Amino acid sequence: MLRSIIDEGSARKDGPQKEAAWLLVYGCEVDDIAFIDLVEDCGANVVIDDLCIGTREYWKDVALNGYPLKNLAGRYLRRLKCSRILWRLLGTRQQDLDNSFGYLLAGVRQAV
């Protein structure tokens, strides 16, 4: 009986359409685009990355007011270096998590 139900379900062509998954690639480095291609060839969509040398580096511009060299140096020295680092501010656990990963939630909210 189970086999006949599986066969009937497999034969249907009017079932729900599959939607591609939206994925975040998160971690240290992906220096070979073949990985992203592999993921997308499997039917998913990489819609954002949070890699040490990924798009996060380009999300915010350097401040235009004040001394340009100081602003540029501050941009490189104060930004998060690695997406996996949890920056402790000695606030509450939630404040520390928001400081380290809140930009991901903001990005998701902006995308949907």
PDB file of N, CA and C in Angstrom:
ATOM      1  N   MET A   1       0.829  -1.182   0.000  1.00  0.00           N
ATOM      2  CA  MET A   1       0.000   0.000   0.000  1.00  0.00           C
ATOM      3  C   MET A   1       0.882   1.257   0.000  1.00  0.00           C
ATOM      4  N   LEU A   2       1.941   1.267   0.810  1.00  0.00           N
ATOM      5  CA  LEU A   2       2.842   2.412   0.861  1.00  0.00           C
ATOM      6  C   LEU A   2       3.518   2.623  -0.495  1.00  0.00           C
ATOM      7  N   ARG A   3       3.923   1.542  -1.148  1.00  0.00           N
ATOM      8  CA  ARG A   3       4.553   1.644  -2.461  1.00  0.00           C
ATOM      9  C   ARG A   3       3.602   2.294  -3.462  1.00  0.00           C
ATOM     10  N   SER A   4       2.330   1.944  -3.446  1.00  0.00           N
ATOM     11  CA  SER A   4       1.381   2.530  -4.399  1.00  0.00           C
ATOM     12  C   SER A   4       1.165   4.023  -4.132  1.00  0.00           C
ATOM     13  N   ILE A   5       1.187   4.432  -2.860  1.00  0.00           N
ATOM     14  CA  ILE A   5       1.049   5.850  -2.520  1.00  0.00           C
ATOM     15  C   ILE A   5       2.279   6.627  -2.996  1.00  0.00           C
ATOM     16  N   ILE A   6       3.460   6.060  -2.789  1.00  0.00           N
ATOM     17  CA  ILE A   6       4.693   6.720  -3.245  1.00  0.00           C
ATOM     18  C   ILE A   6       4.698   6.837  -4.764  1.00  0.00           C
ATOM     19  N   ASP A   7       4.299   5.766  -5.460  1.00  0.00           N
ATOM     20  CA  ASP A   7       4.253   5.794  -6.923  1.00  0.00           C
ATOM     21  C   ASP A   7       3.252   6.833  -7.423  1.00  0.00           C
ATOM     22  N   GLU A   8       2.096   6.904  -6.783  1.00  0.00           N
ATOM     23  CA  GLU A   8       1.092   7.882  -7.184  1.00  0.00           C
ATOM     24  C   GLU A   8       1.590   9.304  -6.965  1.00  0.00           C
ATOM     25  N   GLY A   9       2.203   9.551  -5.818  1.00  0.00           N
ATOM     26  CA  GLY A   9       2.734  10.886  -5.533  1.00  0.00           C
ATOM     27  C   GLY A   9       3.865  11.260  -6.483  1.00  0.00           C
ATOM     28  N   SER A  10       4.711  10.303  -6.823  1.00  0.00           N
ATOM     29  CA  SER A  10       5.822  10.572  -7.745  1.00  0.00           C
ATOM     30  C   SER A  10       5.338  10.861  -9.158  1.00  0.00           C
ATOM     31  N   ALA A  11       4.223  10.294  -9.544  1.00  0.00           N
ATOM     32  CA  ALA A  11       3.694  10.470 -10.900  1.00  0.00           C
ATOM     33  C   ALA A  11       2.988  11.813 -11.083  1.00  0.00           C
ATOM     34  N   ARG A  12       2.614  12.471 -10.007  1.00  0.00           N
ATOM     35  CA  ARG A  12       1.893  13.746 -10.114  1.00  0.00           C
ATOM     36  C   ARG A  12       2.798  14.831 -10.679  1.00  0.00           C
ATOM     37  N   LYS A  13       2.235  15.629 -11.533  1.00  0.00           N
ATOM     38  CA  LYS A  13       2.975  16.752 -12.127  1.00  0.00           C
ATOM     39  C   LYS A  13       2.445  18.096 -11.641  1.00  0.00           C
ATOM     40  N   ASP A  14       1.347  18.099 -10.890  1.00  0.00           N
ATOM     41  CA  ASP A  14       0.718  19.348 -10.469  1.00  0.00           C
ATOM     42  C   ASP A  14       1.032  19.727  -9.025  1.00  0.00           C
ATOM     43  N   GLY A  15       2.107  19.172  -8.482  1.00  0.00           N
ATOM     44  CA  GLY A  15       2.464  19.463  -7.103  1.00  0.00           C
ATOM     45  C   GLY A  15       3.032  20.865  -6.943  1.00  0.00           C
ATOM     46  N   PRO A  16       3.331  21.232  -5.732  1.00  0.00           N
ATOM     47  CA  PRO A  16       3.876  22.576  -5.496  1.00  0.00           C
ATOM     48  C   PRO A  16       5.230  22.742  -6.179  1.00  0.00           C
ATOM     49  N   GLN A  17       5.441  23.929  -6.731  1.00  0.00           N
ATOM     50  CA  GLN A  17       6.709  24.221  -7.376  1.00  0.00           C
ATOM     51  C   GLN A  17       7.787  24.426  -6.316  1.00  0.00           C
ATOM     52  N   LYS A  18       8.955  23.919  -6.596  1.00  0.00           N
ATOM     53  CA  LYS A  18      10.071  24.111  -5.674  1.00  0.00           C
ATOM     54  C   LYS A  18      10.612  25.523  -5.841  1.00  0.00           C
ATOM     55  N   GLU A  19      10.867  26.153  -4.718  1.00  0.00           N
ATOM     56  CA  GLU A  19      11.494  27.461  -4.740  1.00  0.00           C
ATOM     57  C   GLU A  19      12.943  27.294  -4.318  1.00  0.00           C
ATOM     58  N   ALA A  20      13.815  27.998  -4.980  1.00  0.00           N
ATOM     59  CA  ALA A  20      15.228  27.921  -4.638  1.00  0.00           C
ATOM     60  C   ALA A  20      15.469  28.519  -3.255  1.00  0.00           C
ATOM     61  N   ALA A  21      16.319  27.864  -2.498  1.00  0.00           N
ATOM     62  CA  ALA A  21      16.665  28.364  -1.163  1.00  0.00           C
ATOM     63  C   ALA A  21      17.555  29.595  -1.284  1.00  0.00           C
ATOM     64  N   TRP A  22      17.363  30.540  -0.401  1.00  0.00           N
ATOM     65  CA  TRP A  22      18.244  31.699  -0.296  1.00  0.00           C
ATOM     66  C   TRP A  22      19.275  31.382   0.771  1.00  0.00           C
ATOM     67  N   LEU A  23      20.536  31.487   0.443  1.00  0.00           N
ATOM     68  CA  LEU A  23      21.577  31.100   1.383  1.00  0.00           C
ATOM     69  C   LEU A  23      22.521  32.252   1.704  1.00  0.00           C
ATOM     70  N   LEU A  24      23.014  32.218   2.939  1.00  0.00           N
ATOM     71  CA  LEU A  24      24.081  33.081   3.411  1.00  0.00           C
ATOM     72  C   LEU A  24      25.324  32.201   3.502  1.00  0.00           C
ATOM     73  N   VAL A  25      26.393  32.581   2.826  1.00  0.00           N
ATOM     74  CA  VAL A  25      27.671  31.879   2.966  1.00  0.00           C
ATOM     75  C   VAL A  25      28.447  32.634   4.031  1.00  0.00           C
ATOM     76  N   TYR A  26      28.819  31.931   5.086  1.00  0.00           N
ATOM     77  CA  TYR A  26      29.363  32.559   6.282  1.00  0.00           C
ATOM     78  C   TYR A  26      30.634  31.849   6.701  1.00  0.00           C
ATOM     79  N   GLY A  27      31.672  32.590   7.025  1.00  0.00           N
ATOM     80  CA  GLY A  27      32.899  31.966   7.506  1.00  0.00           C
ATOM     81  C   GLY A  27      34.121  32.808   7.222  1.00  0.00           C
ATOM     82  N   CYS A  28      35.251  32.140   7.135  1.00  0.00           N
ATOM     83  CA  CYS A  28      36.535  32.832   6.947  1.00  0.00           C
ATOM     84  C   CYS A  28      36.695  33.323   5.519  1.00  0.00           C
ATOM     85  N   GLU A  29      37.171  32.468   4.668  1.00  0.00           N
ATOM     86  CA  GLU A  29      37.445  32.858   3.287  1.00  0.00           C
ATOM     87  C   GLU A  29      36.891  31.820   2.337  1.00  0.00           C
ATOM     88  N   VAL A  30      36.422  32.278   1.218  1.00  0.00           N
ATOM     89  CA  VAL A  30      36.138  31.425   0.078  1.00  0.00           C
ATOM     90  C   VAL A  30      36.845  32.103  -1.084  1.00  0.00           C
ATOM     91  N   ASP A  31      38.031  31.606  -1.388  1.00  0.00           N
ATOM     92  CA  ASP A  31      38.820  32.267  -2.424  1.00  0.00           C
ATOM     93  C   ASP A  31      38.705  31.570  -3.776  1.00  0.00           C
ATOM     94  N   ASP A  32      37.761  30.643  -3.876  1.00  0.00           N
ATOM     95  CA  ASP A  32      37.527  29.957  -5.143  1.00  0.00           C
ATOM     96  C   ASP A  32      36.041  30.046  -5.464  1.00  0.00           C
ATOM     97  N   ILE A  33      35.704  30.780  -6.490  1.00  0.00           N
ATOM     98  CA  ILE A  33      34.308  31.008  -6.868  1.00  0.00           C
ATOM     99  C   ILE A  33      33.611  29.707  -7.249  1.00  0.00           C
ATOM    100  N   ALA A  34      34.364  28.648  -7.490  1.00  0.00           N
ATOM    101  CA  ALA A  34      33.771  27.354  -7.848  1.00  0.00           C
ATOM    102  C   ALA A  34      32.856  26.848  -6.733  1.00  0.00           C
ATOM    103  N   PHE A  35      33.150  27.193  -5.487  1.00  0.00           N
ATOM    104  CA  PHE A  35      32.283  26.770  -4.380  1.00  0.00           C
ATOM    105  C   PHE A  35      30.898  27.396  -4.511  1.00  0.00           C
ATOM    106  N   ILE A  36      30.857  28.684  -4.771  1.00  0.00           N
ATOM    107  CA  ILE A  36      29.579  29.382  -4.946  1.00  0.00           C
ATOM    108  C   ILE A  36      28.852  28.810  -6.159  1.00  0.00           C
ATOM    109  N   ASP A  37      29.584  28.577  -7.238  1.00  0.00           N
ATOM    110  CA  ASP A  37      28.979  27.984  -8.438  1.00  0.00           C
ATOM    111  C   ASP A  37      28.381  26.615  -8.130  1.00  0.00           C
ATOM    112  N   LEU A  38      29.080  25.805  -7.345  1.00  0.00           N
ATOM    113  CA  LEU A  38      28.587  24.477  -6.970  1.00  0.00           C
ATOM    114  C   LEU A  38      27.279  24.582  -6.200  1.00  0.00           C
ATOM    115  N   VAL A  39      27.229  25.480  -5.234  1.00  0.00           N
ATOM    116  CA  VAL A  39      26.015  25.674  -4.438  1.00  0.00           C
ATOM    117  C   VAL A  39      24.858  26.084  -5.339  1.00  0.00           C
ATOM    118  N   GLU A  40      25.100  27.030  -6.239  1.00  0.00           N
ATOM    119  CA  GLU A  40      24.032  27.514  -7.108  1.00  0.00           C
ATOM    120  C   GLU A  40      23.647  26.479  -8.164  1.00  0.00           C
ATOM    121  N   ASP A  41      24.594  25.658  -8.600  1.00  0.00           N
ATOM    122  CA  ASP A  41      24.267  24.583  -9.539  1.00  0.00           C
ATOM    123  C   ASP A  41      23.373  23.522  -8.897  1.00  0.00           C
ATOM    124  N   CYS A  42      23.375  23.458  -7.573  1.00  0.00           N
ATOM    125  CA  CYS A  42      22.513  22.518  -6.855  1.00  0.00           C
ATOM    126  C   CYS A  42      21.108  23.073  -6.654  1.00  0.00           C
ATOM    127  N   GLY A  43      20.858  24.289  -7.139  1.00  0.00           N
ATOM    128  CA  GLY A  43      19.508  24.845  -7.087  1.00  0.00           C
ATOM    129  C   GLY A  43      19.274  25.921  -6.058  1.00  0.00           C
ATOM    130  N   ALA A  44      20.274  26.278  -5.279  1.00  0.00           N
ATOM    131  CA  ALA A  44      20.114  27.334  -4.276  1.00  0.00           C
ATOM    132  C   ALA A  44      20.617  28.654  -4.848  1.00  0.00           C
ATOM    133  N   ASN A  45      20.297  29.734  -4.165  1.00  0.00           N
ATOM    134  CA  ASN A  45      20.800  31.051  -4.545  1.00  0.00           C
ATOM    135  C   ASN A  45      21.606  31.621  -3.389  1.00  0.00           C
ATOM    136  N   VAL A  46      22.860  31.928  -3.641  1.00  0.00           N
ATOM    137  CA  VAL A  46      23.659  32.623  -2.641  1.00  0.00           C
ATOM    138  C   VAL A  46      23.313  34.104  -2.787  1.00  0.00           C
ATOM    139  N   VAL A  47      22.584  34.626  -1.810  1.00  0.00           N
ATOM    140  CA  VAL A  47      22.115  36.008  -1.901  1.00  0.00           C
ATOM    141  C   VAL A  47      22.981  36.971  -1.102  1.00  0.00           C
ATOM    142  N   ILE A  48      23.798  36.446  -0.206  1.00  0.00           N
ATOM    143  CA  ILE A  48      24.674  37.292   0.597  1.00  0.00           C
ATOM    144  C   ILE A  48      25.799  36.430   1.133  1.00  0.00           C
ATOM    145  N   ASP A  49      26.918  37.065   1.392  1.00  0.00           N
ATOM    146  CA  ASP A  49      27.998  36.366   2.072  1.00  0.00           C
ATOM    147  C   ASP A  49      28.442  37.209   3.251  1.00  0.00           C
ATOM    148  N   ASP A  50      29.024  36.547   4.212  1.00  0.00           N
ATOM    149  CA  ASP A  50      29.666  37.228   5.324  1.00  0.00           C
ATOM    150  C   ASP A  50      30.988  36.522   5.550  1.00  0.00           C
ATOM    151  N   LEU A  51      31.923  36.853   4.699  1.00  0.00           N
ATOM    152  CA  LEU A  51      33.248  36.257   4.723  1.00  0.00           C
ATOM    153  C   LEU A  51      34.263  37.323   5.115  1.00  0.00           C
ATOM    154  N   CYS A  52      35.404  36.894   5.585  1.00  0.00           N
ATOM    155  CA  CYS A  52      36.423  37.863   6.002  1.00  0.00           C
ATOM    156  C   CYS A  52      36.820  38.799   4.865  1.00  0.00           C
ATOM    157  N   ILE A  53      36.834  38.292   3.656  1.00  0.00           N
ATOM    158  CA  ILE A  53      37.190  39.137   2.516  1.00  0.00           C
ATOM    159  C   ILE A  53      36.021  39.243   1.546  1.00  0.00           C
ATOM    160  N   GLY A  54      34.816  39.233   2.089  1.00  0.00           N
ATOM    161  CA  GLY A  54      33.621  39.244   1.255  1.00  0.00           C
ATOM    162  C   GLY A  54      33.000  40.614   1.114  1.00  0.00           C
ATOM    163  N   THR A  55      31.709  40.624   0.829  1.00  0.00           N
ATOM    164  CA  THR A  55      31.011  41.874   0.530  1.00  0.00           C
ATOM    165  C   THR A  55      30.857  42.791   1.737  1.00  0.00           C
ATOM    166  N   ARG A  56      30.957  42.241   2.939  1.00  0.00           N
ATOM    167  CA  ARG A  56      30.833  43.082   4.139  1.00  0.00           C
ATOM    168  C   ARG A  56      31.825  44.241   4.119  1.00  0.00           C
ATOM    169  N   GLU A  57      32.967  44.017   3.509  1.00  0.00           N
ATOM    170  CA  GLU A  57      33.995  45.058   3.428  1.00  0.00           C
ATOM    171  C   GLU A  57      33.509  46.285   2.666  1.00  0.00           C
ATOM    172  N   TYR A  58      32.476  46.140   1.856  1.00  0.00           N
ATOM    173  CA  TYR A  58      32.030  47.228   0.992  1.00  0.00           C
ATOM    174  C   TYR A  58      30.671  47.791   1.385  1.00  0.00           C
ATOM    175  N   TRP A  59      30.117  47.350   2.517  1.00  0.00           N
ATOM    176  CA  TRP A  59      28.788  47.801   2.919  1.00  0.00           C
ATOM    177  C   TRP A  59      28.764  49.261   3.344  1.00  0.00           C
ATOM    178  N   LYS A  60      29.808  49.714   4.006  1.00  0.00           N
ATOM    179  CA  LYS A  60      29.818  51.083   4.524  1.00  0.00           C
ATOM    180  C   LYS A  60      30.931  51.878   3.862  1.00  0.00           C
ATOM    181  N   ASP A  61      30.639  53.127   3.593  1.00  0.00           N
ATOM    182  CA  ASP A  61      31.623  54.013   2.988  1.00  0.00           C
ATOM    183  C   ASP A  61      32.503  54.642   4.065  1.00  0.00           C
ATOM    184  N   VAL A  62      33.626  55.145   3.651  1.00  0.00           N
ATOM    185  CA  VAL A  62      34.502  55.902   4.540  1.00  0.00           C
ATOM    186  C   VAL A  62      33.847  57.264   4.785  1.00  0.00           C
ATOM    187  N   ALA A  63      33.911  57.739   6.011  1.00  0.00           N
ATOM    188  CA  ALA A  63      33.332  59.049   6.347  1.00  0.00           C
ATOM    189  C   ALA A  63      33.977  60.134   5.497  1.00  0.00           C
ATOM    190  N   LEU A  64      33.168  61.057   5.041  1.00  0.00           N
ATOM    191  CA  LEU A  64      33.659  62.129   4.162  1.00  0.00           C
ATOM    192  C   LEU A  64      34.006  63.407   4.912  1.00  0.00           C
ATOM    193  N   ASN A  65      33.522  63.528   6.146  1.00  0.00           N
ATOM    194  CA  ASN A  65      33.823  64.743   6.911  1.00  0.00           C
ATOM    195  C   ASN A  65      35.146  64.558   7.654  1.00  0.00           C
ATOM    196  N   GLY A  66      35.826  65.644   7.939  1.00  0.00           N
ATOM    197  CA  GLY A  66      37.085  65.571   8.676  1.00  0.00           C
ATOM    198  C   GLY A  66      38.279  65.280   7.770  1.00  0.00           C
ATOM    199  N   TYR A  67      39.321  64.735   8.381  1.00  0.00           N
ATOM    200  CA  TYR A  67      40.584  64.477   7.689  1.00  0.00           C
ATOM    201  C   TYR A  67      40.498  63.137   6.948  1.00  0.00           C
ATOM    202  N   PRO A  68      40.622  63.125   5.621  1.00  0.00           N
ATOM    203  CA  PRO A  68      40.405  61.903   4.838  1.00  0.00           C
ATOM    204  C   PRO A  68      41.309  60.732   5.222  1.00  0.00           C
ATOM    205  N   LEU A  69      42.599  60.975   5.445  1.00  0.00           N
ATOM    206  CA  LEU A  69      43.519  59.884   5.772  1.00  0.00           C
ATOM    207  C   LEU A  69      43.162  59.255   7.119  1.00  0.00           C
ATOM    208  N   LYS A  70      42.796  60.091   8.093  1.00  0.00           N
ATOM    209  CA  LYS A  70      42.378  59.585   9.405  1.00  0.00           C
ATOM    210  C   LYS A  70      41.098  58.751   9.273  1.00  0.00           C
ATOM    211  N   ASN A  71      40.159  59.222   8.465  1.00  0.00           N
ATOM    212  CA  ASN A  71      38.917  58.476   8.245  1.00  0.00           C
ATOM    213  C   ASN A  71      39.182  57.128   7.583  1.00  0.00           C
ATOM    214  N   LEU A  72      40.065  57.117   6.605  1.00  0.00           N
ATOM    215  CA  LEU A  72      40.395  55.877   5.905  1.00  0.00           C
ATOM    216  C   LEU A  72      41.081  54.893   6.851  1.00  0.00           C
ATOM    217  N   ALA A  73      42.034  55.387   7.635  1.00  0.00           N
ATOM    218  CA  ALA A  73      42.723  54.519   8.603  1.00  0.00           C
ATOM    219  C   ALA A  73      41.741  53.974   9.631  1.00  0.00           C
ATOM    220  N   GLY A  74      40.848  54.836  10.127  1.00  0.00           N
ATOM    221  CA  GLY A  74      39.854  54.389  11.103  1.00  0.00           C
ATOM    222  C   GLY A  74      38.936  53.319  10.535  1.00  0.00           C
ATOM    223  N   ARG A  75      38.586  53.471   9.283  1.00  0.00           N
ATOM    224  CA  ARG A  75      37.724  52.478   8.618  1.00  0.00           C
ATOM    225  C   ARG A  75      38.388  51.102   8.600  1.00  0.00           C
ATOM    226  N   TYR A  76      39.673  51.066   8.303  1.00  0.00           N
ATOM    227  CA  TYR A  76      40.381  49.784   8.227  1.00  0.00           C
ATOM    228  C   TYR A  76      40.739  49.222   9.593  1.00  0.00           C
ATOM    229  N   LEU A  77      40.970  50.071  10.583  1.00  0.00           N
ATOM    230  CA  LEU A  77      41.412  49.596  11.887  1.00  0.00           C
ATOM    231  C   LEU A  77      40.266  49.245  12.830  1.00  0.00           C
ATOM    232  N   ARG A  78      39.086  49.847  12.629  1.00  0.00           N
ATOM    233  CA  ARG A  78      37.972  49.626  13.552  1.00  0.00           C
ATOM    234  C   ARG A  78      36.943  48.624  13.071  1.00  0.00           C
ATOM    235  N   ARG A  79      36.982  48.263  11.836  1.00  0.00           N
ATOM    236  CA  ARG A  79      35.958  47.342  11.323  1.00  0.00           C
ATOM    237  C   ARG A  79      36.234  45.932  11.834  1.00  0.00           C
ATOM    238  N   LEU A  80      35.215  45.098  11.808  1.00  0.00           N
ATOM    239  CA  LEU A  80      35.394  43.702  12.192  1.00  0.00           C
ATOM    240  C   LEU A  80      36.287  43.022  11.173  1.00  0.00           C
ATOM    241  N   LYS A  81      37.271  42.299  11.615  1.00  0.00           N
ATOM    242  CA  LYS A  81      38.195  41.630  10.708  1.00  0.00           C
ATOM    243  C   LYS A  81      37.663  40.284  10.238  1.00  0.00           C
ATOM    244  N   CYS A  82      36.984  39.588  11.101  1.00  0.00           N
ATOM    245  CA  CYS A  82      36.527  38.245  10.761  1.00  0.00           C
ATOM    246  C   CYS A  82      35.072  38.092  11.198  1.00  0.00           C
ATOM    247  N   SER A  83      34.290  37.507  10.328  1.00  0.00           N
ATOM    248  CA  SER A  83      32.866  37.366  10.630  1.00  0.00           C
ATOM    249  C   SER A  83      32.598  36.451  11.822  1.00  0.00           C
ATOM    250  N   ARG A  84      33.554  35.618  12.190  1.00  0.00           N
ATOM    251  CA  ARG A  84      33.333  34.671  13.283  1.00  0.00           C
ATOM    252  C   ARG A  84      33.648  35.234  14.657  1.00  0.00           C
ATOM    253  N   ILE A  85      34.187  36.437  14.732  1.00  0.00           N
ATOM    254  CA  ILE A  85      34.601  37.007  16.009  1.00  0.00           C
ATOM    255  C   ILE A  85      33.400  37.568  16.754  1.00  0.00           C
ATOM    256  N   LEU A  86      33.265  37.196  18.005  1.00  0.00           N
ATOM    257  CA  LEU A  86      32.234  37.762  18.879  1.00  0.00           C
ATOM    258  C   LEU A  86      32.899  38.866  19.698  1.00  0.00           C
ATOM    259  N   TRP A  87      32.530  40.084  19.398  1.00  0.00           N
ATOM    260  CA  TRP A  87      33.116  41.222  20.094  1.00  0.00           C
ATOM    261  C   TRP A  87      32.392  41.445  21.409  1.00  0.00           C
ATOM    262  N   ARG A  88      33.121  41.302  22.498  1.00  0.00           N
ATOM    263  CA  ARG A  88      32.537  41.498  23.816  1.00  0.00           C
ATOM    264  C   ARG A  88      32.669  42.963  24.209  1.00  0.00           C
ATOM    265  N   LEU A  89      31.549  43.539  24.565  1.00  0.00           N
ATOM    266  CA  LEU A  89      31.535  44.929  25.012  1.00  0.00           C
ATOM    267  C   LEU A  89      31.352  45.019  26.521  1.00  0.00           C
ATOM    268  N   LEU A  90      31.248  43.867  27.130  1.00  0.00           N
ATOM    269  CA  LEU A  90      30.961  43.777  28.554  1.00  0.00           C
ATOM    270  C   LEU A  90      29.586  44.331  28.877  1.00  0.00           C
ATOM    271  N   GLY A  91      28.729  44.300  27.866  1.00  0.00           N
ATOM    272  CA  GLY A  91      27.324  44.635  28.069  1.00  0.00           C
ATOM    273  C   GLY A  91      26.589  43.333  28.365  1.00  0.00           C
ATOM    274  N   THR A  92      25.313  43.341  28.112  1.00  0.00           N
ATOM    275  CA  THR A  92      24.572  42.097  28.271  1.00  0.00           C
ATOM    276  C   THR A  92      24.941  41.162  27.129  1.00  0.00           C
ATOM    277  N   ARG A  93      24.626  39.909  27.266  1.00  0.00           N
ATOM    278  CA  ARG A  93      24.893  38.932  26.209  1.00  0.00           C
ATOM    279  C   ARG A  93      24.183  39.354  24.915  1.00  0.00           C
ATOM    280  N   GLN A  94      22.945  39.831  25.032  1.00  0.00           N
ATOM    281  CA  GLN A  94      22.193  40.259  23.853  1.00  0.00           C
ATOM    282  C   GLN A  94      22.850  41.458  23.186  1.00  0.00           C
ATOM    283  N   GLN A  95      23.354  42.397  23.963  1.00  0.00           N
ATOM    284  CA  GLN A  95      24.036  43.561  23.393  1.00  0.00           C
ATOM    285  C   GLN A  95      25.304  43.138  22.652  1.00  0.00           C
ATOM    286  N   ASP A  96      26.040  42.202  23.229  1.00  0.00           N
ATOM    287  CA  ASP A  96      27.251  41.711  22.568  1.00  0.00           C
ATOM    288  C   ASP A  96      26.909  40.989  21.269  1.00  0.00           C
ATOM    289  N   LEU A  97      25.847  40.185  21.286  1.00  0.00           N
ATOM    290  CA  LEU A  97      25.423  39.491  20.063  1.00  0.00           C
ATOM    291  C   LEU A  97      24.955  40.484  19.007  1.00  0.00           C
ATOM    292  N   ASP A  98      24.190  41.483  19.415  1.00  0.00           N
ATOM    293  CA  ASP A  98      23.733  42.505  18.471  1.00  0.00           C
ATOM    294  C   ASP A  98      24.911  43.261  17.871  1.00  0.00           C
ATOM    295  N   ASN A  99      25.920  43.554  18.684  1.00  0.00           N
ATOM    296  CA  ASN A  99      27.102  44.258  18.195  1.00  0.00           C
ATOM    297  C   ASN A  99      27.868  43.419  17.177  1.00  0.00           C
ATOM    298  N   SER A 100      27.950  42.118  17.418  1.00  0.00           N
ATOM    299  CA  SER A 100      28.727  41.255  16.542  1.00  0.00           C
ATOM    300  C   SER A 100      27.959  40.782  15.313  1.00  0.00           C
ATOM    301  N   PHE A 101      26.660  40.537  15.457  1.00  0.00           N
ATOM    302  CA  PHE A 101      25.912  39.905  14.371  1.00  0.00           C
ATOM    303  C   PHE A 101      24.636  40.638  13.969  1.00  0.00           C
ATOM    304  N   GLY A 102      24.362  41.778  14.571  1.00  0.00           N
ATOM    305  CA  GLY A 102      23.125  42.506  14.278  1.00  0.00           C
ATOM    306  C   GLY A 102      23.002  42.930  12.825  1.00  0.00           C
ATOM    307  N   TYR A 103      24.127  43.174  12.173  1.00  0.00           N
ATOM    308  CA  TYR A 103      24.094  43.585  10.766  1.00  0.00           C
ATOM    309  C   TYR A 103      23.492  42.491   9.884  1.00  0.00           C
ATOM    310  N   LEU A 104      23.637  41.218  10.279  1.00  0.00           N
ATOM    311  CA  LEU A 104      23.043  40.129   9.500  1.00  0.00           C
ATOM    312  C   LEU A 104      21.524  40.194   9.561  1.00  0.00           C
ATOM    313  N   LEU A 105      20.985  40.394  10.745  1.00  0.00           N
ATOM    314  CA  LEU A 105      19.534  40.510  10.900  1.00  0.00           C
ATOM    315  C   LEU A 105      19.000  41.721  10.137  1.00  0.00           C
ATOM    316  N   ALA A 106      19.723  42.825  10.197  1.00  0.00           N
ATOM    317  CA  ALA A 106      19.304  44.020   9.468  1.00  0.00           C
ATOM    318  C   ALA A 106      19.299  43.750   7.959  1.00  0.00           C
ATOM    319  N   GLY A 107      20.284  43.023   7.480  1.00  0.00           N
ATOM    320  CA  GLY A 107      20.350  42.696   6.060  1.00  0.00           C
ATOM    321  C   GLY A 107      19.200  41.806   5.609  1.00  0.00           C
ATOM    322  N   VAL A 108      18.847  40.836   6.442  1.00  0.00           N
ATOM    323  CA  VAL A 108      17.727  39.950   6.136  1.00  0.00           C
ATOM    324  C   VAL A 108      16.427  40.747   6.097  1.00  0.00           C
ATOM    325  N   ARG A 109      16.235  41.606   7.077  1.00  0.00           N
ATOM    326  CA  ARG A 109      15.011  42.425   7.115  1.00  0.00           C
ATOM    327  C   ARG A 109      14.916  43.343   5.901  1.00  0.00           C
ATOM    328  N   GLN A 110      16.048  43.840   5.453  1.00  0.00           N
ATOM    329  CA  GLN A 110      16.051  44.710   4.280  1.00  0.00           C
ATOM    330  C   GLN A 110      15.748  43.917   3.010  1.00  0.00           C
ATOM    331  N   ALA A 111      16.165  42.658   2.942  1.00  0.00           N
ATOM    332  CA  ALA A 111      16.010  41.850   1.738  1.00  0.00           C
ATOM    333  C   ALA A 111      14.597  41.335   1.548  1.00  0.00           C
ATOM    334  N   VAL A 112      13.872  41.117   2.640  1.00  0.00           N
ATOM    335  CA  VAL A 112      12.527  40.529   2.500  1.00  0.00           C
ATOM    336  C   VAL A 112      11.420  41.529   2.650  1.00  0.00           C
TER     337      VAL A 112
END
